[in-house]
Protein backbone atom coordinates (compact mmCIF):
# COMPACT_ATOMS: atom_id res chain seq x y z
CA UNK A 1 0.00 0.00 0.00
CA UNK A 2 3.02 2.30 -0.52
CA UNK A 3 3.32 3.02 3.22
CA UNK A 4 0.14 5.14 3.30
CA UNK A 5 -2.08 4.54 6.32
CA UNK A 6 -5.60 6.01 6.44
CA UNK A 7 -6.93 6.73 9.93
CA UNK A 8 -10.55 7.47 10.76
CA UNK A 9 -10.32 10.54 12.99
CA UNK A 10 -14.06 10.83 13.63
CA UNK A 11 -15.67 9.42 16.77
CA UNK A 12 -18.90 8.57 14.91
CA UNK A 13 -19.87 6.77 11.74
CA UNK A 14 -21.03 9.16 8.97
CA UNK A 15 -23.98 8.30 6.74
CA UNK A 16 -23.56 9.93 3.33
CA UNK A 17 -26.83 10.83 1.63
CA UNK A 18 -26.65 10.39 -2.14
CA UNK A 19 -28.59 12.22 -3.43
CA UNK A 20 -28.68 14.86 -0.64
CA UNK A 21 -31.84 15.15 1.44
CA UNK A 22 -33.91 18.33 0.92
CA UNK A 23 -34.91 19.95 4.20
CA UNK A 24 -35.79 23.28 5.83
CA UNK A 25 -33.72 25.06 8.48
CA UNK A 26 -34.48 27.90 10.85
CA UNK A 27 -32.25 29.77 13.30
CA UNK A 28 -33.77 29.91 16.78
CA UNK A 29 -30.90 31.35 18.84
CA UNK A 30 -27.67 33.25 18.24
CA UNK A 31 -25.23 34.00 21.08
CA UNK A 32 -27.92 33.21 23.66
CA UNK A 33 -30.43 35.60 22.09
CA UNK A 34 -33.73 34.15 20.83
CA UNK A 35 -34.39 34.83 17.14
CA UNK A 36 -37.66 34.86 15.20
CA UNK A 37 -36.74 34.43 11.56
CA UNK A 38 -38.15 32.44 8.68
CA UNK A 39 -36.78 29.21 7.34
CA UNK A 40 -34.54 28.35 4.40
CA UNK A 41 -34.14 25.33 2.15
CA UNK A 42 -30.97 23.29 2.73
CA UNK A 43 -29.48 20.08 1.34
CA UNK A 44 -28.24 17.59 3.96
CA UNK A 45 -25.15 15.78 2.62
CA UNK A 46 -24.27 13.52 5.53
CA UNK A 47 -25.34 12.74 9.08
CA UNK A 48 -23.37 11.39 12.03
CA UNK A 49 -23.57 11.14 15.81
CA UNK A 50 -21.75 14.45 16.15
CA UNK A 51 -23.93 16.44 13.75
CA UNK A 52 -24.66 16.86 10.09
CA UNK A 53 -23.23 18.59 7.03
CA UNK A 54 -25.52 20.67 4.87
CA UNK A 55 -25.43 23.06 1.92
CA UNK A 56 -27.22 26.41 2.04
CA UNK A 57 -27.35 29.73 0.19
CA UNK A 58 -27.31 31.54 3.56
CA UNK A 59 -24.23 33.46 4.70
CA UNK A 60 -23.94 31.98 8.18
CA UNK A 61 -21.38 33.22 10.72
CA UNK A 62 -18.56 30.89 11.72
CA UNK A 63 -19.73 30.57 15.30
CA UNK A 64 -20.46 27.72 17.70
CA UNK A 65 -23.26 29.73 19.38
CA UNK A 66 -25.71 29.35 16.49
CA UNK A 67 -28.72 27.12 17.28
PDB file of N, CA and C in Angstrom:
ATOM      1  N   UNK A   1       0.819  -1.190   0.000  1.00  0.00           N
ATOM      2  CA  UNK A   1       0.000   0.000   0.000  1.00  0.00           C
ATOM      3  C   UNK A   1       0.861   1.251   0.000  1.00  0.00           C
ATOM      4  N   UNK A   2       2.079   1.179  -0.416  1.00  0.00           N
ATOM      5  CA  UNK A   2       3.017   2.304  -0.521  1.00  0.00           C
ATOM      6  C   UNK A   2       3.239   3.039   0.794  1.00  0.00           C
ATOM      7  N   UNK A   3       3.061   2.384   1.926  1.00  0.00           N
ATOM      8  CA  UNK A   3       3.324   3.017   3.218  1.00  0.00           C
ATOM      9  C   UNK A   3       2.292   4.043   3.645  1.00  0.00           C
ATOM     10  N   UNK A   4       1.180   4.166   2.942  1.00  0.00           N
ATOM     11  CA  UNK A   4       0.140   5.136   3.300  1.00  0.00           C
ATOM     12  C   UNK A   4      -0.876   4.463   4.210  1.00  0.00           C
ATOM     13  N   UNK A   5      -1.111   5.074   5.364  1.00  0.00           N
ATOM     14  CA  UNK A   5      -2.083   4.540   6.317  1.00  0.00           C
ATOM     15  C   UNK A   5      -3.205   5.561   6.456  1.00  0.00           C
ATOM     16  N   UNK A   6      -4.445   5.135   6.262  1.00  0.00           N
ATOM     17  CA  UNK A   6      -5.601   6.009   6.442  1.00  0.00           C
ATOM     18  C   UNK A   6      -6.202   5.763   7.819  1.00  0.00           C
ATOM     19  N   UNK A   7      -6.352   6.816   8.599  1.00  0.00           N
ATOM     20  CA  UNK A   7      -6.934   6.728   9.927  1.00  0.00           C
ATOM     21  C   UNK A   7      -8.282   7.430   9.927  1.00  0.00           C
ATOM     22  N   UNK A   8      -9.263   6.833  10.558  1.00  0.00           N
ATOM     23  CA  UNK A   8     -10.553   7.469  10.755  1.00  0.00           C
ATOM     24  C   UNK A   8     -10.450   8.322  12.014  1.00  0.00           C
ATOM     25  N   UNK A   9     -10.482   9.640  11.851  1.00  0.00           N
ATOM     26  CA  UNK A   9     -10.323  10.536  12.992  1.00  0.00           C
ATOM     27  C   UNK A   9     -11.650  10.906  13.644  1.00  0.00           C
ATOM     28  N   UNK A  10     -12.758  10.513  13.059  1.00  0.00           N
ATOM     29  CA  UNK A  10     -14.058  10.832  13.630  1.00  0.00           C
ATOM     30  C   UNK A  10     -14.421   9.826  14.722  1.00  0.00           C
ATOM     31  N   UNK A  11     -15.200  10.297  15.696  1.00  0.00           N
ATOM     32  CA  UNK A  11     -15.674   9.422  16.766  1.00  0.00           C
ATOM     33  C   UNK A  11     -16.944   8.673  16.371  1.00  0.00           C
ATOM     34  N   UNK A  12     -17.624   9.140  15.317  1.00  0.00           N
ATOM     35  CA  UNK A  12     -18.898   8.567  14.910  1.00  0.00           C
ATOM     36  C   UNK A  12     -18.861   8.160  13.445  1.00  0.00           C
ATOM     37  N   UNK A  13     -19.677   7.178  13.117  1.00  0.00           N
ATOM     38  CA  UNK A  13     -19.867   6.767  11.736  1.00  0.00           C
ATOM     39  C   UNK A  13     -20.659   7.853  11.011  1.00  0.00           C
ATOM     40  N   UNK A  14     -20.311   8.164   9.764  1.00  0.00           N
ATOM     41  CA  UNK A  14     -21.026   9.164   8.965  1.00  0.00           C
ATOM     42  C   UNK A  14     -21.841   8.446   7.899  1.00  0.00           C
ATOM     43  N   UNK A  15     -23.105   8.833   7.765  1.00  0.00           N
ATOM     44  CA  UNK A  15     -23.984   8.298   6.742  1.00  0.00           C
ATOM     45  C   UNK A  15     -24.077   9.332   5.630  1.00  0.00           C
ATOM     46  N   UNK A  16     -23.499   9.015   4.466  1.00  0.00           N
ATOM     47  CA  UNK A  16     -23.559   9.926   3.329  1.00  0.00           C
ATOM     48  C   UNK A  16     -24.889   9.739   2.611  1.00  0.00           C
ATOM     49  N   UNK A  17     -25.537  10.862   2.306  1.00  0.00           N
ATOM     50  CA  UNK A  17     -26.833  10.827   1.632  1.00  0.00           C
ATOM     51  C   UNK A  17     -26.643  11.180   0.165  1.00  0.00           C
ATOM     52  N   UNK A  18     -26.793  10.179  -0.706  1.00  0.00           N
ATOM     53  CA  UNK A  18     -26.654  10.388  -2.143  1.00  0.00           C
ATOM     54  C   UNK A  18     -27.937   9.891  -2.799  1.00  0.00           C
ATOM     55  N   UNK A  19     -28.742  10.763  -3.340  1.00  0.00           N
ATOM     56  CA  UNK A  19     -28.585  12.216  -3.435  1.00  0.00           C
ATOM     57  C   UNK A  19     -28.861  12.876  -2.078  1.00  0.00           C
ATOM     58  N   UNK A  20     -28.440  14.149  -1.910  1.00  0.00           N
ATOM     59  CA  UNK A  20     -28.680  14.855  -0.642  1.00  0.00           C
ATOM     60  C   UNK A  20     -30.175  14.955  -0.322  1.00  0.00           C
ATOM     61  N   UNK A  21     -30.473  15.051   0.952  1.00  0.00           N
ATOM     62  CA  UNK A  21     -31.839  15.148   1.437  1.00  0.00           C
ATOM     63  C   UNK A  21     -32.262  16.616   1.494  1.00  0.00           C
ATOM     64  N   UNK A  22     -33.383  16.962   0.868  1.00  0.00           N
ATOM     65  CA  UNK A  22     -33.915  18.331   0.917  1.00  0.00           C
ATOM     66  C   UNK A  22     -34.602  18.538   2.260  1.00  0.00           C
ATOM     67  N   UNK A  23     -34.326  19.669   2.905  1.00  0.00           N
ATOM     68  CA  UNK A  23     -34.907  19.951   4.203  1.00  0.00           C
ATOM     69  C   UNK A  23     -35.068  21.455   4.379  1.00  0.00           C
ATOM     70  N   UNK A  24     -35.645  21.872   5.502  1.00  0.00           N
ATOM     71  CA  UNK A  24     -35.786  23.281   5.830  1.00  0.00           C
ATOM     72  C   UNK A  24     -35.087  23.531   7.157  1.00  0.00           C
ATOM     73  N   UNK A  25     -34.473  24.709   7.275  1.00  0.00           N
ATOM     74  CA  UNK A  25     -33.716  25.061   8.478  1.00  0.00           C
ATOM     75  C   UNK A  25     -34.176  26.430   8.959  1.00  0.00           C
ATOM     76  N   UNK A  26     -34.211  26.600  10.267  1.00  0.00           N
ATOM     77  CA  UNK A  26     -34.481  27.902  10.848  1.00  0.00           C
ATOM     78  C   UNK A  26     -33.504  28.154  11.991  1.00  0.00           C
ATOM     79  N   UNK A  27     -33.139  29.389  12.194  1.00  0.00           N
ATOM     80  CA  UNK A  27     -32.251  29.772  13.299  1.00  0.00           C
ATOM     81  C   UNK A  27     -33.136  30.202  14.456  1.00  0.00           C
ATOM     82  N   UNK A  28     -32.938  29.585  15.619  1.00  0.00           N
ATOM     83  CA  UNK A  28     -33.770  29.908  16.780  1.00  0.00           C
ATOM     84  C   UNK A  28     -33.024  30.715  17.828  1.00  0.00           C
ATOM     85  N   UNK A  29     -31.671  30.621  17.842  1.00  0.00           N
ATOM     86  CA  UNK A  29     -30.904  31.349  18.843  1.00  0.00           C
ATOM     87  C   UNK A  29     -29.508  31.648  18.316  1.00  0.00           C
ATOM     88  N   UNK A  30     -29.026  32.852  18.600  1.00  0.00           N
ATOM     89  CA  UNK A  30     -27.667  33.250  18.238  1.00  0.00           C
ATOM     90  C   UNK A  30     -27.051  33.975  19.418  1.00  0.00           C
ATOM     91  N   UNK A  31     -25.936  33.443  19.922  1.00  0.00           N
ATOM     92  CA  UNK A  31     -25.226  33.995  21.079  1.00  0.00           C
ATOM     93  C   UNK A  31     -26.151  34.174  22.279  1.00  0.00           C
ATOM     94  N   UNK A  32     -27.023  33.184  22.510  1.00  0.00           N
ATOM     95  CA  UNK A  32     -27.919  33.209  23.657  1.00  0.00           C
ATOM     96  C   UNK A  32     -29.147  34.070  23.481  1.00  0.00           C
ATOM     97  N   UNK A  33     -29.299  34.718  22.350  1.00  0.00           N
ATOM     98  CA  UNK A  33     -30.432  35.603  22.089  1.00  0.00           C
ATOM     99  C   UNK A  33     -31.425  34.887  21.178  1.00  0.00           C
ATOM    100  N   UNK A  34     -32.698  34.806  21.611  1.00  0.00           N
ATOM    101  CA  UNK A  34     -33.732  34.146  20.828  1.00  0.00           C
ATOM    102  C   UNK A  34     -34.010  34.935  19.550  1.00  0.00           C
ATOM    103  N   UNK A  35     -34.141  34.210  18.446  1.00  0.00           N
ATOM    104  CA  UNK A  35     -34.390  34.831  17.139  1.00  0.00           C
ATOM    105  C   UNK A  35     -35.742  34.363  16.611  1.00  0.00           C
ATOM    106  N   UNK A  36     -36.429  35.234  15.900  1.00  0.00           N
ATOM    107  CA  UNK A  36     -37.658  34.855  15.198  1.00  0.00           C
ATOM    108  C   UNK A  36     -37.451  35.209  13.736  1.00  0.00           C
ATOM    109  N   UNK A  37     -36.989  34.244  12.984  1.00  0.00           N
ATOM    110  CA  UNK A  37     -36.736  34.433  11.559  1.00  0.00           C
ATOM    111  C   UNK A  37     -37.451  33.323  10.797  1.00  0.00           C
ATOM    112  N   UNK A  38     -37.533  33.457   9.515  1.00  0.00           N
ATOM    113  CA  UNK A  38     -38.155  32.439   8.679  1.00  0.00           C
ATOM    114  C   UNK A  38     -37.269  31.217   8.551  1.00  0.00           C
ATOM    115  N   UNK A  39     -37.568  30.415   7.572  1.00  0.00           N
ATOM    116  CA  UNK A  39     -36.776  29.210   7.340  1.00  0.00           C
ATOM    117  C   UNK A  39     -36.193  29.259   5.933  1.00  0.00           C
ATOM    118  N   UNK A  40     -35.218  28.395   5.700  1.00  0.00           N
ATOM    119  CA  UNK A  40     -34.543  28.346   4.404  1.00  0.00           C
ATOM    120  C   UNK A  40     -34.381  26.888   3.981  1.00  0.00           C
ATOM    121  N   UNK A  41     -34.387  26.659   2.681  1.00  0.00           N
ATOM    122  CA  UNK A  41     -34.135  25.325   2.148  1.00  0.00           C
ATOM    123  C   UNK A  41     -32.657  24.995   2.256  1.00  0.00           C
ATOM    124  N   UNK A  42     -32.345  23.770   2.651  1.00  0.00           N
ATOM    125  CA  UNK A  42     -30.971  23.286   2.726  1.00  0.00           C
ATOM    126  C   UNK A  42     -30.913  21.875   2.151  1.00  0.00           C
ATOM    127  N   UNK A  43     -29.724  21.452   1.775  1.00  0.00           N
ATOM    128  CA  UNK A  43     -29.480  20.080   1.337  1.00  0.00           C
ATOM    129  C   UNK A  43     -28.574  19.414   2.363  1.00  0.00           C
ATOM    130  N   UNK A  44     -29.041  18.328   2.972  1.00  0.00           N
ATOM    131  CA  UNK A  44     -28.244  17.595   3.957  1.00  0.00           C
ATOM    132  C   UNK A  44     -27.413  16.566   3.209  1.00  0.00           C
ATOM    133  N   UNK A  45     -26.070  16.674   3.336  1.00  0.00           N
ATOM    134  CA  UNK A  45     -25.149  15.784   2.616  1.00  0.00           C
ATOM    135  C   UNK A  45     -24.775  14.545   3.406  1.00  0.00           C
ATOM    136  N   UNK A  46     -24.558  14.689   4.705  1.00  0.00           N
ATOM    137  CA  UNK A  46     -24.270  13.519   5.533  1.00  0.00           C
ATOM    138  C   UNK A  46     -24.657  13.785   6.979  1.00  0.00           C
ATOM    139  N   UNK A  47     -24.887  12.682   7.698  1.00  0.00           N
ATOM    140  CA  UNK A  47     -25.338  12.740   9.080  1.00  0.00           C
ATOM    141  C   UNK A  47     -24.480  11.800   9.903  1.00  0.00           C
ATOM    142  N   UNK A  48     -24.121  12.226  11.114  1.00  0.00           N
ATOM    143  CA  UNK A  48     -23.374  11.388  12.033  1.00  0.00           C
ATOM    144  C   UNK A  48     -23.786  11.683  13.457  1.00  0.00           C
ATOM    145  N   UNK A  49     -23.240  10.948  14.404  1.00  0.00           N
ATOM    146  CA  UNK A  49     -23.569  11.136  15.809  1.00  0.00           C
ATOM    147  C   UNK A  49     -23.163  12.492  16.345  1.00  0.00           C
ATOM    148  N   UNK A  50     -22.206  13.146  15.700  1.00  0.00           N
ATOM    149  CA  UNK A  50     -21.746  14.453  16.153  1.00  0.00           C
ATOM    150  C   UNK A  50     -22.378  15.619  15.424  1.00  0.00           C
ATOM    151  N   UNK A  51     -23.281  15.357  14.482  1.00  0.00           N
ATOM    152  CA  UNK A  51     -23.930  16.441  13.753  1.00  0.00           C
ATOM    153  C   UNK A  51     -24.188  16.069  12.313  1.00  0.00           C
ATOM    154  N   UNK A  52     -24.408  17.097  11.497  1.00  0.00           N
ATOM    155  CA  UNK A  52     -24.661  16.858  10.087  1.00  0.00           C
ATOM    156  C   UNK A  52     -23.970  17.922   9.254  1.00  0.00           C
ATOM    157  N   UNK A  53     -23.815  17.627   7.975  1.00  0.00           N
ATOM    158  CA  UNK A  53     -23.235  18.590   7.028  1.00  0.00           C
ATOM    159  C   UNK A  53     -24.311  18.930   6.019  1.00  0.00           C
ATOM    160  N   UNK A  54     -24.476  20.240   5.785  1.00  0.00           N
ATOM    161  CA  UNK A  54     -25.517  20.671   4.868  1.00  0.00           C
ATOM    162  C   UNK A  54     -25.008  21.780   3.962  1.00  0.00           C
ATOM    163  N   UNK A  55     -25.706  21.978   2.849  1.00  0.00           N
ATOM    164  CA  UNK A  55     -25.433  23.064   1.915  1.00  0.00           C
ATOM    165  C   UNK A  55     -26.568  24.069   2.007  1.00  0.00           C
ATOM    166  N   UNK A  56     -26.217  25.360   1.952  1.00  0.00           N
ATOM    167  CA  UNK A  56     -27.216  26.411   2.038  1.00  0.00           C
ATOM    168  C   UNK A  56     -26.738  27.634   1.276  1.00  0.00           C
ATOM    169  N   UNK A  57     -27.681  28.448   0.814  1.00  0.00           N
ATOM    170  CA  UNK A  57     -27.353  29.731   0.190  1.00  0.00           C
ATOM    171  C   UNK A  57     -27.115  30.819   1.229  1.00  0.00           C
ATOM    172  N   UNK A  58     -27.439  30.545   2.494  1.00  0.00           N
ATOM    173  CA  UNK A  58     -27.306  31.543   3.556  1.00  0.00           C
ATOM    174  C   UNK A  58     -25.851  31.831   3.876  1.00  0.00           C
ATOM    175  N   UNK A  59     -25.560  33.065   4.215  1.00  0.00           N
ATOM    176  CA  UNK A  59     -24.234  33.458   4.696  1.00  0.00           C
ATOM    177  C   UNK A  59     -24.258  33.370   6.216  1.00  0.00           C
ATOM    178  N   UNK A  60     -23.889  32.218   6.742  1.00  0.00           N
ATOM    179  CA  UNK A  60     -23.937  31.982   8.184  1.00  0.00           C
ATOM    180  C   UNK A  60     -22.605  32.343   8.816  1.00  0.00           C
ATOM    181  N   UNK A  61     -22.627  32.898  10.039  1.00  0.00           N
ATOM    182  CA  UNK A  61     -21.379  33.220  10.722  1.00  0.00           C
ATOM    183  C   UNK A  61     -20.655  31.942  11.161  1.00  0.00           C
ATOM    184  N   UNK A  62     -19.351  32.004  11.196  1.00  0.00           N
ATOM    185  CA  UNK A  62     -18.559  30.890  11.724  1.00  0.00           C
ATOM    186  C   UNK A  62     -18.567  31.058  13.231  1.00  0.00           C
ATOM    187  N   UNK A  63     -19.494  30.343  13.883  1.00  0.00           N
ATOM    188  CA  UNK A  63     -19.731  30.567  15.298  1.00  0.00           C
ATOM    189  C   UNK A  63     -20.349  29.311  15.892  1.00  0.00           C
ATOM    190  N   UNK A  64     -19.894  28.906  17.066  1.00  0.00           N
ATOM    191  CA  UNK A  64     -20.460  27.718  17.701  1.00  0.00           C
ATOM    192  C   UNK A  64     -21.660  28.061  18.579  1.00  0.00           C
ATOM    193  N   UNK A  65     -22.106  29.306  18.563  1.00  0.00           N
ATOM    194  CA  UNK A  65     -23.256  29.725  19.379  1.00  0.00           C
ATOM    195  C   UNK A  65     -24.508  29.926  18.533  1.00  0.00           C
ATOM    196  N   UNK A  66     -24.564  29.279  17.389  1.00  0.00           N
ATOM    197  CA  UNK A  66     -25.709  29.348  16.487  1.00  0.00           C
ATOM    198  C   UNK A  66     -26.550  28.097  16.672  1.00  0.00           C
ATOM    199  N   UNK A  67     -27.824  28.267  17.047  1.00  0.00           N
ATOM    200  CA  UNK A  67     -28.723  27.124  17.276  1.00  0.00           C
ATOM    201  C   UNK A  67     -29.827  27.169  16.240  1.00  0.00           C
TER     202      UNK A  67
END
